[in-house]
């Protein structure tokens, strides 16, 4: 992303704004859902806000800028405050990716309905970037591995015994599995091979004129 500073400063700042938006709406949705399900922890920690500063992790933000891979500040919640801890934890986890997909859908509707009224840079660069990054954040987080949201969602829908065994396994080894999936082999990371078809599916729906991802 840093190459945009010199080749296209507008695109660099567009990526930054899109990342801030995607991370903020993602983490806000986690916090809001946890609060609605009975846990005041996110509210007490000031996470039910659309202020990006409340949701940015310094290291994760730097990683995003330099390597296009990073993270926001995780939303903490207390499962003992939830009526059905396993199910509700899955719902809290699902809220983040779902909010990004909804946001991408809204941007797509705006693009289709007002595209002819918007400047070319909006229709060909800025709005599509917001759509792509929201889809990417959603799809990546739905991978069923801890510490990603998909791991908690999978634990929440499995039978109790299987869920407990998987949860213990992912808590111990999930982060190592994730790094192995991210690490490129022969120039391509396994995780990109997994998420690219899913990304292409959503892009064909929301951005029909966009090129498919490799």
C-alpha atoms as a PDB file:
ATOM      1  CA  UNK A   1       0.000   0.000   0.000  1.00  0.00           C
ATOM      2  CA  UNK A   2       2.909   2.374   0.679  1.00  0.00           C
ATOM      3  CA  UNK A   3       3.754   2.515  -3.032  1.00  0.00           C
ATOM      4  CA  UNK A   4       0.546   4.535  -3.453  1.00  0.00           C
ATOM      5  CA  UNK A   5       2.179   7.440  -1.569  1.00  0.00           C
ATOM      6  CA  UNK A   6       4.369   8.151  -4.581  1.00  0.00           C
ATOM      7  CA  UNK A   7       2.304   6.765  -7.467  1.00  0.00           C
ATOM      8  CA  UNK A   8      -1.195   7.787  -6.328  1.00  0.00           C
ATOM      9  CA  UNK A   9      -1.506   9.740  -3.060  1.00  0.00           C
ATOM     10  CA  UNK A  10      -5.288   9.843  -3.474  1.00  0.00           C
ATOM     11  CA  UNK A  11      -5.461   6.038  -3.562  1.00  0.00           C
ATOM     12  CA  UNK A  12      -3.170   5.819  -0.521  1.00  0.00           C
ATOM     13  CA  UNK A  13      -5.486   7.986   1.561  1.00  0.00           C
ATOM     14  CA  UNK A  14      -8.495   6.162   0.113  1.00  0.00           C
ATOM     15  CA  UNK A  15      -7.078   2.858   1.360  1.00  0.00           C
ATOM     16  CA  UNK A  16      -6.406   4.379   4.779  1.00  0.00           C
ATOM     17  CA  UNK A  17      -9.952   5.754   5.057  1.00  0.00           C
ATOM     18  CA  UNK A  18     -11.458   2.485   3.813  1.00  0.00           C
ATOM     19  CA  UNK A  19      -9.424   0.487   6.340  1.00  0.00           C
ATOM     20  CA  UNK A  20     -10.434   2.823   9.162  1.00  0.00           C
ATOM     21  CA  UNK A  21     -14.072   2.513   8.181  1.00  0.00           C
ATOM     22  CA  UNK A  22     -14.018  -1.277   7.778  1.00  0.00           C
ATOM     23  CA  UNK A  23     -12.227  -1.896  11.086  1.00  0.00           C
ATOM     24  CA  UNK A  24     -14.395   0.600  12.963  1.00  0.00           C
ATOM     25  CA  UNK A  25     -17.722  -0.794  11.769  1.00  0.00           C
ATOM     26  CA  UNK A  26     -16.457  -4.337  12.388  1.00  0.00           C
ATOM     27  CA  UNK A  27     -15.381  -3.772  15.994  1.00  0.00           C
ATOM     28  CA  UNK A  28     -18.325  -1.495  16.783  1.00  0.00           C
ATOM     29  CA  UNK A  29     -20.690  -4.277  15.695  1.00  0.00           C
ATOM     30  CA  UNK A  30     -18.971  -6.765  18.003  1.00  0.00           C
ATOM     31  CA  UNK A  31     -19.293  -4.325  20.913  1.00  0.00           C
ATOM     32  CA  UNK A  32     -22.901  -3.340  20.169  1.00  0.00           C
ATOM     33  CA  UNK A  33     -24.017  -6.959  19.854  1.00  0.00           C
ATOM     34  CA  UNK A  34     -22.325  -7.978  23.108  1.00  0.00           C
ATOM     35  CA  UNK A  35     -24.043  -5.084  24.878  1.00  0.00           C
ATOM     36  CA  UNK A  36     -27.429  -6.057  23.415  1.00  0.00           C
ATOM     37  CA  UNK A  37     -26.915  -9.646  24.582  1.00  0.00           C
ATOM     38  CA  UNK A  38     -26.402  -8.523  28.165  1.00  0.00           C
ATOM     39  CA  UNK A  39     -22.694  -7.904  28.650  1.00  0.00           C
ATOM     40  CA  UNK A  40     -21.804  -4.301  29.614  1.00  0.00           C
ATOM     41  CA  UNK A  41     -18.040  -4.865  29.255  1.00  0.00           C
ATOM     42  CA  UNK A  42     -17.668  -3.223  25.802  1.00  0.00           C
ATOM     43  CA  UNK A  43     -19.763  -0.236  26.926  1.00  0.00           C
ATOM     44  CA  UNK A  44     -17.654   0.207  30.070  1.00  0.00           C
ATOM     45  CA  UNK A  45     -14.509   0.069  27.938  1.00  0.00           C
ATOM     46  CA  UNK A  46     -15.816   2.735  25.561  1.00  0.00           C
ATOM     47  CA  UNK A  47     -16.090   0.440  22.566  1.00  0.00           C
ATOM     48  CA  UNK A  48     -19.690   1.236  21.544  1.00  0.00           C
ATOM     49  CA  UNK A  49     -18.594   4.157  19.418  1.00  0.00           C
ATOM     50  CA  UNK A  50     -17.869   4.878  15.774  1.00  0.00           C
ATOM     51  CA  UNK A  51     -14.722   6.760  16.726  1.00  0.00           C
ATOM     52  CA  UNK A  52     -11.905   4.840  14.951  1.00  0.00           C
ATOM     53  CA  UNK A  53      -9.424   5.666  17.714  1.00  0.00           C
ATOM     54  CA  UNK A  54     -11.345   3.394  20.092  1.00  0.00           C
ATOM     55  CA  UNK A  55     -10.900   0.395  17.816  1.00  0.00           C
ATOM     56  CA  UNK A  56      -7.378   0.692  16.388  1.00  0.00           C
ATOM     57  CA  UNK A  57      -4.555  -1.512  17.581  1.00  0.00           C
ATOM     58  CA  UNK A  58      -1.218   0.314  17.024  1.00  0.00           C
ATOM     59  CA  UNK A  59       0.724  -2.749  15.865  1.00  0.00           C
ATOM     60  CA  UNK A  60      -2.184  -4.084  13.816  1.00  0.00           C
ATOM     61  CA  UNK A  61      -2.618  -0.725  12.090  1.00  0.00           C
ATOM     62  CA  UNK A  62       1.081  -0.519  11.172  1.00  0.00           C
ATOM     63  CA  UNK A  63       0.921  -4.062   9.812  1.00  0.00           C
ATOM     64  CA  UNK A  64      -2.077  -3.096   7.678  1.00  0.00           C
ATOM     65  CA  UNK A  65      -0.297  -0.102   6.199  1.00  0.00           C
ATOM     66  CA  UNK A  66       2.983  -1.875   5.471  1.00  0.00           C
ATOM     67  CA  UNK A  67       1.861  -5.443   4.718  1.00  0.00           C
ATOM     68  CA  UNK A  68      -1.908  -5.219   4.023  1.00  0.00           C
ATOM     69  CA  UNK A  69      -2.425  -7.664   6.865  1.00  0.00           C
ATOM     70  CA  UNK A  70      -3.324  -6.548  10.358  1.00  0.00           C
ATOM     71  CA  UNK A  71      -6.044  -6.289  12.943  1.00  0.00           C
ATOM     72  CA  UNK A  72      -8.119  -3.964  15.087  1.00  0.00           C
ATOM     73  CA  UNK A  73      -8.279  -3.912  18.876  1.00  0.00           C
ATOM     74  CA  UNK A  74     -10.274  -7.024  19.882  1.00  0.00           C
ATOM     75  CA  UNK A  75     -13.569  -6.375  21.649  1.00  0.00           C
ATOM     76  CA  UNK A  76     -13.567  -8.004  25.071  1.00  0.00           C
ATOM     77  CA  UNK A  77     -16.708  -9.551  26.528  1.00  0.00           C
ATOM     78  CA  UNK A  78     -17.482 -11.607  29.619  1.00  0.00           C
ATOM     79  CA  UNK A  79     -19.251 -14.890  28.715  1.00  0.00           C
ATOM     80  CA  UNK A  80     -20.627 -15.113  32.263  1.00  0.00           C
ATOM     81  CA  UNK A  81     -22.840 -12.112  31.482  1.00  0.00           C
ATOM     82  CA  UNK A  82     -24.426 -13.907  28.517  1.00  0.00           C
ATOM     83  CA  UNK A  83     -27.563 -16.046  28.822  1.00  0.00           C
ATOM     84  CA  UNK A  84     -26.232 -18.666  26.412  1.00  0.00           C
ATOM     85  CA  UNK A  85     -22.443 -18.126  26.403  1.00  0.00           C
ATOM     86  CA  UNK A  86     -21.505 -20.392  23.475  1.00  0.00           C
ATOM     87  CA  UNK A  87     -24.350 -19.313  21.200  1.00  0.00           C
ATOM     88  CA  UNK A  88     -24.101 -15.641  22.125  1.00  0.00           C
ATOM     89  CA  UNK A  89     -20.314 -15.626  21.662  1.00  0.00           C
ATOM     90  CA  UNK A  90     -20.898 -16.948  18.144  1.00  0.00           C
ATOM     91  CA  UNK A  91     -23.451 -14.189  17.477  1.00  0.00           C
ATOM     92  CA  UNK A  92     -21.057 -11.534  18.770  1.00  0.00           C
ATOM     93  CA  UNK A  93     -18.340 -12.913  16.516  1.00  0.00           C
ATOM     94  CA  UNK A  94     -20.659 -13.099  13.509  1.00  0.00           C
ATOM     95  CA  UNK A  95     -21.711  -9.466  13.946  1.00  0.00           C
ATOM     96  CA  UNK A  96     -18.343  -8.116  12.793  1.00  0.00           C
ATOM     97  CA  UNK A  97     -18.082  -9.850   9.393  1.00  0.00           C
ATOM     98  CA  UNK A  98     -21.827  -9.425   8.835  1.00  0.00           C
ATOM     99  CA  UNK A  99     -21.544  -5.661   9.329  1.00  0.00           C
ATOM    100  CA  UNK A 100     -18.754  -5.477   6.737  1.00  0.00           C
ATOM    101  CA  UNK A 101     -20.835  -7.395   4.185  1.00  0.00           C
ATOM    102  CA  UNK A 102     -23.813  -5.124   4.851  1.00  0.00           C
ATOM    103  CA  UNK A 103     -21.574  -2.059   4.455  1.00  0.00           C
ATOM    104  CA  UNK A 104     -20.227  -3.415   1.152  1.00  0.00           C
ATOM    105  CA  UNK A 105     -23.798  -3.970  -0.001  1.00  0.00           C
ATOM    106  CA  UNK A 106     -24.785  -0.411   0.896  1.00  0.00           C
ATOM    107  CA  UNK A 107     -21.797   1.012  -0.985  1.00  0.00           C
ATOM    108  CA  UNK A 108     -22.721  -1.155  -3.978  1.00  0.00           C
ATOM    109  CA  UNK A 109     -26.286   0.177  -3.954  1.00  0.00           C
ATOM    110  CA  UNK A 110     -24.985   3.755  -3.757  1.00  0.00           C
ATOM    111  CA  UNK A 111     -22.620   3.072  -6.658  1.00  0.00           C
ATOM    112  CA  UNK A 112     -25.350   1.566  -8.835  1.00  0.00           C
ATOM    113  CA  UNK A 113     -28.009   4.152  -8.029  1.00  0.00           C
ATOM    114  CA  UNK A 114     -25.914   7.330  -8.133  1.00  0.00           C
ATOM    115  CA  UNK A 115     -22.903   6.272 -10.206  1.00  0.00           C
ATOM    116  CA  UNK A 116     -23.686   8.630 -13.077  1.00  0.00           C
ATOM    117  CA  UNK A 117     -23.956  11.539 -10.647  1.00  0.00           C
ATOM    118  CA  UNK A 118     -20.621  10.907  -8.927  1.00  0.00           C
ATOM    119  CA  UNK A 119     -17.151  11.990 -10.115  1.00  0.00           C
ATOM    120  CA  UNK A 120     -15.223   9.291 -11.984  1.00  0.00           C
ATOM    121  CA  UNK A 121     -12.693   8.936  -9.166  1.00  0.00           C
ATOM    122  CA  UNK A 122     -15.564   8.053  -6.823  1.00  0.00           C
ATOM    123  CA  UNK A 123     -17.048   5.408  -9.108  1.00  0.00           C
ATOM    124  CA  UNK A 124     -13.783   3.879 -10.329  1.00  0.00           C
ATOM    125  CA  UNK A 125     -11.560   4.123  -7.263  1.00  0.00           C
ATOM    126  CA  UNK A 126     -12.929   5.358  -3.951  1.00  0.00           C
ATOM    127  CA  UNK A 127     -16.262   3.528  -3.608  1.00  0.00           C
ATOM    128  CA  UNK A 128     -14.918   0.251  -5.102  1.00  0.00           C
ATOM    129  CA  UNK A 129     -12.025   0.342  -2.613  1.00  0.00           C
ATOM    130  CA  UNK A 130     -14.479   0.607   0.289  1.00  0.00           C
ATOM    131  CA  UNK A 131     -16.429  -2.335  -1.125  1.00  0.00           C
ATOM    132  CA  UNK A 132     -13.357  -4.532  -1.668  1.00  0.00           C
ATOM    133  CA  UNK A 133     -11.848  -3.901   1.765  1.00  0.00           C
ATOM    134  CA  UNK A 134     -15.106  -4.557   3.593  1.00  0.00           C
ATOM    135  CA  UNK A 135     -15.548  -7.839   1.717  1.00  0.00           C
ATOM    136  CA  UNK A 136     -11.924  -8.794   2.383  1.00  0.00           C
ATOM    137  CA  UNK A 137     -12.196  -8.098   6.110  1.00  0.00           C
ATOM    138  CA  UNK A 138     -15.422 -10.099   6.341  1.00  0.00           C
ATOM    139  CA  UNK A 139     -14.196 -13.125   4.380  1.00  0.00           C
ATOM    140  CA  UNK A 140     -10.831 -13.233   6.151  1.00  0.00           C
ATOM    141  CA  UNK A 141     -12.438 -13.105   9.584  1.00  0.00           C
ATOM    142  CA  UNK A 142     -14.861 -15.907   8.714  1.00  0.00           C
ATOM    143  CA  UNK A 143     -11.999 -18.407   8.376  1.00  0.00           C
ATOM    144  CA  UNK A 144     -12.796 -20.940  11.149  1.00  0.00           C
ATOM    145  CA  UNK A 145      -9.580 -20.566  13.129  1.00  0.00           C
ATOM    146  CA  UNK A 146      -8.890 -18.770  16.413  1.00  0.00           C
ATOM    147  CA  UNK A 147      -8.301 -15.911  16.943  1.00  0.00           C
ATOM    148  CA  UNK A 148     -10.482 -15.029  13.937  1.00  0.00           C
ATOM    149  CA  UNK A 149     -14.252 -14.653  14.286  1.00  0.00           C
ATOM    150  CA  UNK A 150     -14.861 -17.800  12.269  1.00  0.00           C
ATOM    151  CA  UNK A 151     -13.315 -19.955  14.992  1.00  0.00           C
ATOM    152  CA  UNK A 152     -15.799 -18.740  17.604  1.00  0.00           C
ATOM    153  CA  UNK A 153     -18.671 -19.083  15.156  1.00  0.00           C
ATOM    154  CA  UNK A 154     -17.750 -22.698  14.413  1.00  0.00           C
ATOM    155  CA  UNK A 155     -17.436 -23.478  18.124  1.00  0.00           C
ATOM    156  CA  UNK A 156     -20.864 -21.948  18.664  1.00  0.00           C
ATOM    157  CA  UNK A 157     -22.672 -24.142  16.128  1.00  0.00           C
ATOM    158  CA  UNK A 158     -21.037 -27.504  16.848  1.00  0.00           C
ATOM    159  CA  UNK A 159     -22.425 -29.991  19.396  1.00  0.00           C
ATOM    160  CA  UNK A 160     -21.226 -29.221  22.906  1.00  0.00           C
ATOM    161  CA  UNK A 161     -18.618 -32.004  23.214  1.00  0.00           C
ATOM    162  CA  UNK A 162     -17.116 -31.399  19.780  1.00  0.00           C
ATOM    163  CA  UNK A 163     -17.194 -27.644  20.345  1.00  0.00           C
ATOM    164  CA  UNK A 164     -15.214 -27.939  23.596  1.00  0.00           C
ATOM    165  CA  UNK A 165     -12.543 -30.151  22.025  1.00  0.00           C
ATOM    166  CA  UNK A 166     -12.208 -27.875  18.994  1.00  0.00           C
ATOM    167  CA  UNK A 167     -12.079 -24.769  21.168  1.00  0.00           C
ATOM    168  CA  UNK A 168      -9.236 -26.216  23.255  1.00  0.00           C
ATOM    169  CA  UNK A 169      -7.351 -27.214  20.113  1.00  0.00           C
ATOM    170  CA  UNK A 170      -7.774 -23.840  18.403  1.00  0.00           C
ATOM    171  CA  UNK A 171      -6.857 -21.894  21.515  1.00  0.00           C
ATOM    172  CA  UNK A 172      -3.598 -23.816  21.648  1.00  0.00           C
ATOM    173  CA  UNK A 173      -2.686 -24.081  17.969  1.00  0.00           C
ATOM    174  CA  UNK A 174      -4.960 -21.674  16.061  1.00  0.00           C
ATOM    175  CA  UNK A 175      -2.506 -18.786  15.846  1.00  0.00           C
ATOM    176  CA  UNK A 176       0.252 -21.069  14.540  1.00  0.00           C
ATOM    177  CA  UNK A 177      -2.071 -22.573  11.928  1.00  0.00           C
ATOM    178  CA  UNK A 178      -3.074 -19.060  10.867  1.00  0.00           C
ATOM    179  CA  UNK A 179       0.531 -17.959  10.399  1.00  0.00           C
ATOM    180  CA  UNK A 180       1.254 -21.077   8.338  1.00  0.00           C
ATOM    181  CA  UNK A 181      -1.737 -20.297   6.137  1.00  0.00           C
ATOM    182  CA  UNK A 182      -0.623 -16.688   5.671  1.00  0.00           C
ATOM    183  CA  UNK A 183       3.011 -17.545   4.935  1.00  0.00           C
ATOM    184  CA  UNK A 184       3.521 -17.675   1.146  1.00  0.00           C
ATOM    185  CA  UNK A 185       4.656 -20.923  -0.422  1.00  0.00           C
ATOM    186  CA  UNK A 186       5.976 -20.611  -3.990  1.00  0.00           C
ATOM    187  CA  UNK A 187       4.859 -16.998  -3.948  1.00  0.00           C
ATOM    188  CA  UNK A 188       1.235 -17.678  -2.955  1.00  0.00           C
ATOM    189  CA  UNK A 189      -0.141 -18.053   0.560  1.00  0.00           C
ATOM    190  CA  UNK A 190      -2.589 -20.917   1.146  1.00  0.00           C
ATOM    191  CA  UNK A 191      -5.030 -18.495   2.708  1.00  0.00           C
ATOM    192  CA  UNK A 192      -5.258 -16.456  -0.496  1.00  0.00           C
ATOM    193  CA  UNK A 193      -6.184 -19.606  -2.429  1.00  0.00           C
ATOM    194  CA  UNK A 194      -8.985 -20.153   0.066  1.00  0.00           C
ATOM    195  CA  UNK A 195     -10.448 -16.667   0.202  1.00  0.00           C
ATOM    196  CA  UNK A 196      -9.977 -15.599  -3.443  1.00  0.00           C
ATOM    197  CA  UNK A 197     -12.912 -17.662  -4.813  1.00  0.00           C
ATOM    198  CA  UNK A 198     -15.173 -16.343  -2.058  1.00  0.00           C
ATOM    199  CA  UNK A 199     -13.994 -12.787  -2.702  1.00  0.00           C
ATOM    200  CA  UNK A 200     -14.652 -13.241  -6.418  1.00  0.00           C
ATOM    201  CA  UNK A 201     -18.181 -14.473  -5.664  1.00  0.00           C
ATOM    202  CA  UNK A 202     -19.057 -11.332  -3.711  1.00  0.00           C
ATOM    203  CA  UNK A 203     -17.247  -9.025  -6.136  1.00  0.00           C
ATOM    204  CA  UNK A 204     -19.218 -10.392  -9.091  1.00  0.00           C
ATOM    205  CA  UNK A 205     -22.409  -9.526  -7.215  1.00  0.00           C
ATOM    206  CA  UNK A 206     -21.398  -6.150  -5.825  1.00  0.00           C
ATOM    207  CA  UNK A 207     -18.892  -5.020  -8.476  1.00  0.00           C
ATOM    208  CA  UNK A 208     -19.774  -6.806 -11.729  1.00  0.00           C
ATOM    209  CA  UNK A 209     -17.196  -4.846 -13.727  1.00  0.00           C
ATOM    210  CA  UNK A 210     -14.342  -5.611 -11.318  1.00  0.00           C
ATOM    211  CA  UNK A 211     -11.534  -7.976 -12.308  1.00  0.00           C
ATOM    212  CA  UNK A 212     -11.453 -11.348 -10.562  1.00  0.00           C
ATOM    213  CA  UNK A 213      -8.774 -11.948  -7.956  1.00  0.00           C
ATOM    214  CA  UNK A 214      -6.049 -14.430  -8.593  1.00  0.00           C
END
